[in-house]
Amino acid sequence: MLKKEVVILIAEDDVGHATLINKNLERAGITNTIIHFRNGEKTLDFLFKKGEGPHCESGIPYVLLLDIRMPGIDGIEVLRQIKGDERLKKMPVIMITTTDDPRVIEESHNLGCNHYIVKPVDYESFFSAVRQLGLFLQVVEIPHIDDEKKQ
């Protein structure tokens, strides 16, 4: 059985930050498909198959790189909805944010985030963090979304 390629979802309202994450993933040798959402609502629409536009597909493994501070539905609420859904709760969610408040970090972990990365301001530190993320994606087994389990 062939291993399906992980699709990387980036939920980040700052286009510059999203571009930086994308370029650093490429620089680290990660060539996976990347889908960018500029807010929490579009991210949830994709995952919960609501509204117009593309939606997630059954049988595909996804990992979500999630910013916290986004207009409208913030990253904490996106995380809460994902981890509260039987079909989506096993999808890895990695918080990548400038928020280093210990209470927010603890809340994110309590809600089920898999990793929490604080965006360093320094470019080389940021590249190093993204490169480590790329290595992580190469070695872990990520469960796919299975619509047949949805009630």
N, C-alpha and C. Protein backbone atom coordinates (compact mmCIF):
# COMPACT_ATOMS: atom_id res chain seq x y z
N MET A 1 0.85 -1.19 0.00
CA MET A 1 0.00 0.00 0.00
C MET A 1 0.89 1.24 0.00
N LEU A 2 0.64 2.15 -0.91
CA LEU A 2 1.41 3.38 -1.00
C LEU A 2 0.98 4.37 0.07
N LYS A 3 1.95 5.04 0.65
CA LYS A 3 1.68 6.07 1.64
C LYS A 3 1.21 7.32 0.90
N LYS A 4 0.07 7.86 1.31
CA LYS A 4 -0.45 9.08 0.69
C LYS A 4 0.35 10.27 1.20
N GLU A 5 0.61 11.22 0.29
CA GLU A 5 1.34 12.42 0.67
C GLU A 5 0.48 13.31 1.56
N VAL A 6 1.08 13.83 2.61
CA VAL A 6 0.41 14.72 3.52
C VAL A 6 0.20 16.08 2.84
N VAL A 7 -1.02 16.58 2.92
CA VAL A 7 -1.32 17.91 2.42
C VAL A 7 -1.17 18.87 3.60
N ILE A 8 -0.42 19.94 3.41
CA ILE A 8 -0.18 20.92 4.46
C ILE A 8 -1.17 22.06 4.30
N LEU A 9 -1.95 22.30 5.35
CA LEU A 9 -2.89 23.41 5.37
C LEU A 9 -2.27 24.51 6.23
N ILE A 10 -2.26 25.72 5.71
CA ILE A 10 -1.75 26.86 6.47
C ILE A 10 -2.89 27.84 6.68
N ALA A 11 -3.24 28.08 7.94
CA ALA A 11 -4.26 29.08 8.28
C ALA A 11 -3.52 30.27 8.88
N GLU A 12 -3.36 31.29 8.07
CA GLU A 12 -2.53 32.45 8.44
C GLU A 12 -3.06 33.68 7.72
N ASP A 13 -3.50 34.69 8.48
CA ASP A 13 -4.08 35.88 7.84
C ASP A 13 -3.01 36.79 7.25
N ASP A 14 -1.79 36.73 7.74
CA ASP A 14 -0.70 37.57 7.24
C ASP A 14 -0.06 36.88 6.03
N VAL A 15 -0.30 37.43 4.85
CA VAL A 15 0.21 36.82 3.61
C VAL A 15 1.73 36.71 3.64
N GLY A 16 2.39 37.72 4.21
CA GLY A 16 3.84 37.68 4.32
C GLY A 16 4.33 36.51 5.15
N HIS A 17 3.67 36.26 6.29
CA HIS A 17 4.04 35.12 7.13
C HIS A 17 3.77 33.80 6.41
N ALA A 18 2.62 33.71 5.73
CA ALA A 18 2.29 32.48 4.99
C ALA A 18 3.31 32.22 3.90
N THR A 19 3.72 33.27 3.19
CA THR A 19 4.72 33.13 2.13
C THR A 19 6.06 32.70 2.73
N LEU A 20 6.41 33.27 3.87
CA LEU A 20 7.66 32.90 4.54
C LEU A 20 7.64 31.43 4.97
N ILE A 21 6.53 30.97 5.53
CA ILE A 21 6.40 29.56 5.91
C ILE A 21 6.55 28.68 4.67
N ASN A 22 5.83 29.03 3.61
CA ASN A 22 5.85 28.26 2.37
C ASN A 22 7.27 28.19 1.79
N LYS A 23 7.93 29.34 1.68
CA LYS A 23 9.28 29.37 1.11
C LYS A 23 10.27 28.58 1.96
N ASN A 24 10.12 28.66 3.27
CA ASN A 24 11.03 27.92 4.14
C ASN A 24 10.77 26.41 4.11
N LEU A 25 9.52 26.01 3.91
CA LEU A 25 9.23 24.58 3.72
C LEU A 25 9.91 24.10 2.43
N GLU A 26 9.78 24.90 1.36
CA GLU A 26 10.45 24.54 0.09
C GLU A 26 11.97 24.50 0.28
N ARG A 27 12.51 25.50 0.96
CA ARG A 27 13.96 25.56 1.21
C ARG A 27 14.43 24.34 2.02
N ALA A 28 13.54 23.81 2.86
CA ALA A 28 13.87 22.62 3.65
C ALA A 28 13.63 21.33 2.88
N GLY A 29 13.23 21.45 1.60
CA GLY A 29 13.04 20.27 0.76
C GLY A 29 11.65 19.67 0.82
N ILE A 30 10.71 20.37 1.41
CA ILE A 30 9.33 19.87 1.52
C ILE A 30 8.57 20.30 0.26
N THR A 31 8.10 19.32 -0.50
CA THR A 31 7.40 19.61 -1.76
C THR A 31 5.92 19.21 -1.71
N ASN A 32 5.42 18.98 -0.50
CA ASN A 32 4.02 18.60 -0.34
C ASN A 32 3.09 19.69 -0.87
N THR A 33 1.88 19.30 -1.22
CA THR A 33 0.86 20.27 -1.59
C THR A 33 0.56 21.14 -0.38
N ILE A 34 0.47 22.45 -0.62
CA ILE A 34 0.17 23.40 0.45
C ILE A 34 -1.07 24.19 0.05
N ILE A 35 -2.03 24.27 0.98
CA ILE A 35 -3.24 25.05 0.77
C ILE A 35 -3.27 26.13 1.85
N HIS A 36 -3.42 27.39 1.41
CA HIS A 36 -3.39 28.52 2.34
C HIS A 36 -4.80 29.09 2.53
N PHE A 37 -5.16 29.30 3.80
CA PHE A 37 -6.42 29.96 4.15
C PHE A 37 -6.08 31.24 4.89
N ARG A 38 -6.80 32.32 4.60
CA ARG A 38 -6.49 33.61 5.22
C ARG A 38 -7.29 33.89 6.48
N ASN A 39 -8.18 32.96 6.85
CA ASN A 39 -8.92 33.15 8.10
C ASN A 39 -9.47 31.82 8.61
N GLY A 40 -9.95 31.84 9.84
CA GLY A 40 -10.46 30.63 10.46
C GLY A 40 -11.72 30.10 9.81
N GLU A 41 -12.59 31.01 9.34
CA GLU A 41 -13.84 30.58 8.72
C GLU A 41 -13.58 29.74 7.47
N LYS A 42 -12.68 30.21 6.60
CA LYS A 42 -12.37 29.46 5.38
C LYS A 42 -11.72 28.11 5.71
N THR A 43 -10.91 28.08 6.76
CA THR A 43 -10.28 26.83 7.19
C THR A 43 -11.35 25.84 7.61
N LEU A 44 -12.29 26.29 8.44
CA LEU A 44 -13.37 25.41 8.91
C LEU A 44 -14.29 24.99 7.77
N ASP A 45 -14.57 25.91 6.83
CA ASP A 45 -15.40 25.56 5.67
C ASP A 45 -14.76 24.42 4.89
N PHE A 46 -13.44 24.49 4.69
CA PHE A 46 -12.72 23.44 3.96
C PHE A 46 -12.82 22.11 4.71
N LEU A 47 -12.54 22.13 5.99
CA LEU A 47 -12.49 20.89 6.77
C LEU A 47 -13.87 20.29 7.01
N PHE A 48 -14.87 21.15 7.24
CA PHE A 48 -16.22 20.66 7.52
C PHE A 48 -17.11 20.61 6.28
N LYS A 49 -16.51 20.88 5.11
CA LYS A 49 -17.19 20.79 3.82
C LYS A 49 -18.44 21.66 3.76
N LYS A 50 -18.24 22.94 4.12
CA LYS A 50 -19.34 23.90 4.09
C LYS A 50 -19.08 24.95 3.03
N GLY A 51 -20.15 25.51 2.50
CA GLY A 51 -20.03 26.62 1.57
C GLY A 51 -19.41 26.26 0.24
N GLU A 52 -19.11 27.30 -0.53
CA GLU A 52 -18.50 27.15 -1.85
C GLU A 52 -17.01 26.86 -1.72
N GLY A 53 -16.44 26.40 -2.79
CA GLY A 53 -14.99 26.25 -2.80
C GLY A 53 -14.53 24.84 -2.53
N PRO A 54 -13.22 24.67 -2.46
CA PRO A 54 -12.68 23.33 -2.25
C PRO A 54 -12.96 22.84 -0.83
N HIS A 55 -13.02 21.52 -0.70
CA HIS A 55 -13.22 20.89 0.59
C HIS A 55 -12.22 19.75 0.75
N CYS A 56 -11.99 19.35 2.00
CA CYS A 56 -11.07 18.23 2.24
C CYS A 56 -11.65 16.96 1.65
N GLU A 57 -10.74 16.04 1.34
CA GLU A 57 -11.15 14.78 0.71
C GLU A 57 -10.90 13.62 1.64
N SER A 58 -11.79 12.66 1.61
CA SER A 58 -11.62 11.44 2.40
C SER A 58 -10.39 10.68 1.91
N GLY A 59 -9.69 10.07 2.84
CA GLY A 59 -8.53 9.25 2.48
C GLY A 59 -7.23 10.02 2.33
N ILE A 60 -7.26 11.32 2.54
CA ILE A 60 -6.06 12.16 2.41
C ILE A 60 -5.61 12.57 3.82
N PRO A 61 -4.31 12.43 4.12
CA PRO A 61 -3.83 12.94 5.41
C PRO A 61 -3.52 14.44 5.31
N TYR A 62 -3.96 15.17 6.30
CA TYR A 62 -3.73 16.62 6.37
C TYR A 62 -3.02 16.95 7.68
N VAL A 63 -2.23 18.00 7.64
CA VAL A 63 -1.69 18.61 8.85
C VAL A 63 -1.98 20.10 8.74
N LEU A 64 -2.40 20.70 9.86
CA LEU A 64 -2.77 22.11 9.86
C LEU A 64 -1.75 22.92 10.64
N LEU A 65 -1.18 23.93 9.97
CA LEU A 65 -0.32 24.92 10.62
C LEU A 65 -1.22 26.12 10.89
N LEU A 66 -1.48 26.40 12.16
CA LEU A 66 -2.56 27.29 12.55
C LEU A 66 -2.06 28.49 13.33
N ASP A 67 -2.34 29.68 12.81
CA ASP A 67 -2.06 30.91 13.54
C ASP A 67 -3.20 31.13 14.54
N ILE A 68 -2.92 31.81 15.63
CA ILE A 68 -3.96 32.08 16.63
C ILE A 68 -4.71 33.36 16.31
N ARG A 69 -3.98 34.42 16.06
CA ARG A 69 -4.61 35.73 15.87
C ARG A 69 -5.01 35.93 14.41
N MET A 70 -6.30 35.67 14.15
CA MET A 70 -6.86 35.87 12.82
C MET A 70 -8.19 36.60 12.99
N PRO A 71 -8.59 37.37 11.98
CA PRO A 71 -9.88 38.07 12.09
C PRO A 71 -11.04 37.07 12.08
N GLY A 72 -12.12 37.46 12.74
CA GLY A 72 -13.30 36.58 12.78
C GLY A 72 -13.06 35.41 13.71
N ILE A 73 -13.06 34.22 13.17
CA ILE A 73 -12.84 33.01 13.96
C ILE A 73 -11.33 32.85 14.17
N ASP A 74 -10.90 32.90 15.43
CA ASP A 74 -9.47 32.81 15.70
C ASP A 74 -8.99 31.35 15.75
N GLY A 75 -7.68 31.19 15.85
CA GLY A 75 -7.09 29.85 15.82
C GLY A 75 -7.51 28.96 16.97
N ILE A 76 -7.73 29.54 18.14
CA ILE A 76 -8.18 28.75 19.29
C ILE A 76 -9.54 28.12 19.00
N GLU A 77 -10.45 28.89 18.41
CA GLU A 77 -11.77 28.35 18.09
C GLU A 77 -11.69 27.31 16.96
N VAL A 78 -10.83 27.54 15.98
CA VAL A 78 -10.62 26.54 14.92
C VAL A 78 -10.13 25.24 15.56
N LEU A 79 -9.14 25.34 16.43
CA LEU A 79 -8.61 24.16 17.12
C LEU A 79 -9.70 23.45 17.92
N ARG A 80 -10.51 24.23 18.66
CA ARG A 80 -11.58 23.66 19.48
C ARG A 80 -12.56 22.86 18.60
N GLN A 81 -12.94 23.41 17.46
CA GLN A 81 -13.90 22.72 16.60
C GLN A 81 -13.30 21.46 15.96
N ILE A 82 -12.03 21.54 15.55
CA ILE A 82 -11.38 20.38 14.94
C ILE A 82 -11.27 19.24 15.94
N LYS A 83 -10.77 19.55 17.12
CA LYS A 83 -10.53 18.51 18.12
C LYS A 83 -11.83 18.00 18.75
N GLY A 84 -12.93 18.75 18.56
CA GLY A 84 -14.23 18.31 19.05
C GLY A 84 -15.00 17.48 18.04
N ASP A 85 -14.45 17.29 16.86
CA ASP A 85 -15.13 16.55 15.80
C ASP A 85 -14.54 15.14 15.66
N GLU A 86 -15.40 14.15 15.69
CA GLU A 86 -14.95 12.75 15.62
C GLU A 86 -14.12 12.46 14.37
N ARG A 87 -14.48 13.05 13.26
CA ARG A 87 -13.81 12.79 11.98
C ARG A 87 -12.46 13.49 11.89
N LEU A 88 -12.33 14.64 12.53
CA LEU A 88 -11.13 15.46 12.36
C LEU A 88 -10.17 15.43 13.54
N LYS A 89 -10.59 14.93 14.68
CA LYS A 89 -9.81 15.10 15.91
C LYS A 89 -8.39 14.52 15.88
N LYS A 90 -8.14 13.54 15.02
CA LYS A 90 -6.79 12.95 14.95
C LYS A 90 -5.85 13.71 14.02
N MET A 91 -6.39 14.69 13.28
CA MET A 91 -5.55 15.47 12.38
C MET A 91 -4.57 16.30 13.21
N PRO A 92 -3.27 16.22 12.91
CA PRO A 92 -2.31 17.03 13.66
C PRO A 92 -2.52 18.52 13.40
N VAL A 93 -2.50 19.28 14.49
CA VAL A 93 -2.60 20.73 14.41
C VAL A 93 -1.38 21.31 15.12
N ILE A 94 -0.63 22.09 14.37
CA ILE A 94 0.57 22.73 14.90
C ILE A 94 0.33 24.23 14.92
N MET A 95 0.34 24.78 16.11
CA MET A 95 0.15 26.22 16.26
C MET A 95 1.48 26.89 15.87
N ILE A 96 1.42 27.84 14.95
CA ILE A 96 2.59 28.64 14.59
C ILE A 96 2.15 30.08 14.72
N THR A 97 2.61 30.73 15.79
CA THR A 97 2.07 32.03 16.14
C THR A 97 3.09 32.89 16.86
N THR A 98 2.84 34.18 16.90
CA THR A 98 3.71 35.08 17.65
C THR A 98 3.33 35.11 19.13
N THR A 99 2.21 34.50 19.49
CA THR A 99 1.71 34.52 20.87
C THR A 99 2.53 33.58 21.75
N ASP A 100 3.24 34.17 22.72
CA ASP A 100 4.02 33.34 23.64
C ASP A 100 3.47 33.39 25.06
N ASP A 101 2.21 33.81 25.20
CA ASP A 101 1.55 33.86 26.50
C ASP A 101 1.38 32.44 27.04
N PRO A 102 1.95 32.14 28.21
CA PRO A 102 1.86 30.77 28.75
C PRO A 102 0.43 30.26 28.91
N ARG A 103 -0.53 31.14 29.18
CA ARG A 103 -1.92 30.71 29.33
C ARG A 103 -2.49 30.25 27.99
N VAL A 104 -2.13 30.95 26.91
CA VAL A 104 -2.61 30.58 25.57
C VAL A 104 -1.94 29.27 25.15
N ILE A 105 -0.67 29.13 25.44
CA ILE A 105 0.04 27.88 25.11
C ILE A 105 -0.61 26.71 25.84
N GLU A 106 -0.89 26.89 27.13
CA GLU A 106 -1.53 25.82 27.91
C GLU A 106 -2.92 25.50 27.38
N GLU A 107 -3.70 26.53 27.07
CA GLU A 107 -5.04 26.31 26.52
C GLU A 107 -4.98 25.54 25.21
N SER A 108 -4.02 25.89 24.35
CA SER A 108 -3.86 25.21 23.06
C SER A 108 -3.56 23.72 23.28
N HIS A 109 -2.65 23.43 24.19
CA HIS A 109 -2.32 22.03 24.47
C HIS A 109 -3.52 21.30 25.10
N ASN A 110 -4.24 21.98 26.01
CA ASN A 110 -5.42 21.36 26.62
C ASN A 110 -6.50 21.04 25.59
N LEU A 111 -6.58 21.86 24.55
CA LEU A 111 -7.56 21.62 23.48
C LEU A 111 -7.10 20.53 22.51
N GLY A 112 -5.81 20.18 22.55
CA GLY A 112 -5.34 19.08 21.72
C GLY A 112 -4.36 19.43 20.62
N CYS A 113 -3.76 20.63 20.65
CA CYS A 113 -2.77 20.91 19.61
C CYS A 113 -1.59 19.95 19.80
N ASN A 114 -0.97 19.59 18.70
CA ASN A 114 0.13 18.62 18.76
C ASN A 114 1.47 19.28 19.07
N HIS A 115 1.67 20.49 18.56
CA HIS A 115 2.90 21.23 18.82
C HIS A 115 2.56 22.71 18.80
N TYR A 116 3.39 23.48 19.49
CA TYR A 116 3.19 24.92 19.56
C TYR A 116 4.52 25.58 19.26
N ILE A 117 4.58 26.31 18.16
CA ILE A 117 5.81 26.97 17.73
C ILE A 117 5.59 28.48 17.77
N VAL A 118 6.44 29.17 18.53
CA VAL A 118 6.37 30.64 18.56
C VAL A 118 7.23 31.14 17.42
N LYS A 119 6.62 31.99 16.57
CA LYS A 119 7.34 32.55 15.43
C LYS A 119 8.47 33.45 15.93
N PRO A 120 9.70 33.07 15.69
CA PRO A 120 10.79 33.99 16.05
C PRO A 120 10.81 35.17 15.08
N VAL A 121 11.25 36.29 15.57
CA VAL A 121 11.39 37.46 14.72
C VAL A 121 12.61 37.29 13.81
N ASP A 122 13.65 36.70 14.33
CA ASP A 122 14.89 36.48 13.59
C ASP A 122 14.66 35.49 12.44
N TYR A 123 15.03 35.87 11.21
CA TYR A 123 14.78 35.05 10.03
C TYR A 123 15.42 33.66 10.14
N GLU A 124 16.68 33.58 10.54
CA GLU A 124 17.36 32.28 10.61
C GLU A 124 16.73 31.38 11.65
N SER A 125 16.30 31.94 12.78
CA SER A 125 15.60 31.14 13.80
C SER A 125 14.28 30.63 13.25
N PHE A 126 13.59 31.48 12.49
CA PHE A 126 12.32 31.07 11.90
C PHE A 126 12.55 29.95 10.88
N PHE A 127 13.57 30.11 10.04
CA PHE A 127 13.88 29.07 9.06
C PHE A 127 14.21 27.76 9.77
N SER A 128 14.97 27.83 10.84
CA SER A 128 15.34 26.63 11.58
C SER A 128 14.10 25.92 12.13
N ALA A 129 13.15 26.70 12.67
CA ALA A 129 11.92 26.11 13.20
C ALA A 129 11.11 25.45 12.09
N VAL A 130 11.01 26.11 10.94
CA VAL A 130 10.25 25.55 9.81
C VAL A 130 10.96 24.32 9.24
N ARG A 131 12.28 24.34 9.18
CA ARG A 131 13.04 23.19 8.70
C ARG A 131 12.79 21.98 9.61
N GLN A 132 12.79 22.20 10.92
CA GLN A 132 12.50 21.12 11.86
C GLN A 132 11.09 20.60 11.66
N LEU A 133 10.16 21.50 11.38
CA LEU A 133 8.79 21.10 11.08
C LEU A 133 8.77 20.22 9.82
N GLY A 134 9.53 20.61 8.81
CA GLY A 134 9.61 19.81 7.59
C GLY A 134 10.15 18.42 7.84
N LEU A 135 11.18 18.31 8.67
CA LEU A 135 11.73 17.00 9.02
C LEU A 135 10.70 16.17 9.76
N PHE A 136 9.95 16.81 10.65
CA PHE A 136 8.89 16.15 11.39
C PHE A 136 7.86 15.55 10.42
N LEU A 137 7.46 16.34 9.42
CA LEU A 137 6.45 15.88 8.46
C LEU A 137 6.96 14.70 7.63
N GLN A 138 8.27 14.62 7.43
CA GLN A 138 8.82 13.52 6.63
C GLN A 138 8.82 12.19 7.37
N VAL A 139 8.86 12.22 8.70
CA VAL A 139 9.03 10.97 9.44
C VAL A 139 7.78 10.47 10.17
N VAL A 140 6.80 11.34 10.41
CA VAL A 140 5.64 10.89 11.17
C VAL A 140 4.57 10.29 10.25
N GLU A 141 3.81 9.38 10.80
CA GLU A 141 2.64 8.83 10.12
C GLU A 141 1.44 9.67 10.53
N ILE A 142 0.73 10.22 9.57
CA ILE A 142 -0.40 11.09 9.86
C ILE A 142 -1.68 10.40 9.40
N PRO A 143 -2.66 10.27 10.33
CA PRO A 143 -3.90 9.61 9.95
C PRO A 143 -4.66 10.43 8.90
N HIS A 144 -5.34 9.72 8.01
CA HIS A 144 -6.13 10.42 7.00
C HIS A 144 -7.55 10.65 7.52
N ILE A 145 -8.23 11.56 6.88
CA ILE A 145 -9.61 11.85 7.23
C ILE A 145 -10.48 10.80 6.56
N ASP A 146 -11.35 10.19 7.34
CA ASP A 146 -12.19 9.11 6.83
C ASP A 146 -13.66 9.51 7.02
N ASP A 147 -14.32 9.85 5.92
CA ASP A 147 -15.71 10.28 5.98
C ASP A 147 -16.66 9.16 6.41
N GLU A 148 -16.23 7.92 6.27
CA GLU A 148 -17.12 6.81 6.62
C GLU A 148 -17.37 6.77 8.13
N LYS A 149 -16.50 7.37 8.92
CA LYS A 149 -16.68 7.38 10.37
C LYS A 149 -17.62 8.48 10.82
N LYS A 150 -17.94 9.40 9.92
CA LYS A 150 -18.82 10.52 10.29
C LYS A 150 -20.23 10.01 10.50
N GLN A 151 -20.84 10.46 11.57
CA GLN A 151 -22.19 10.02 11.94
C GLN A 151 -23.23 10.73 11.11
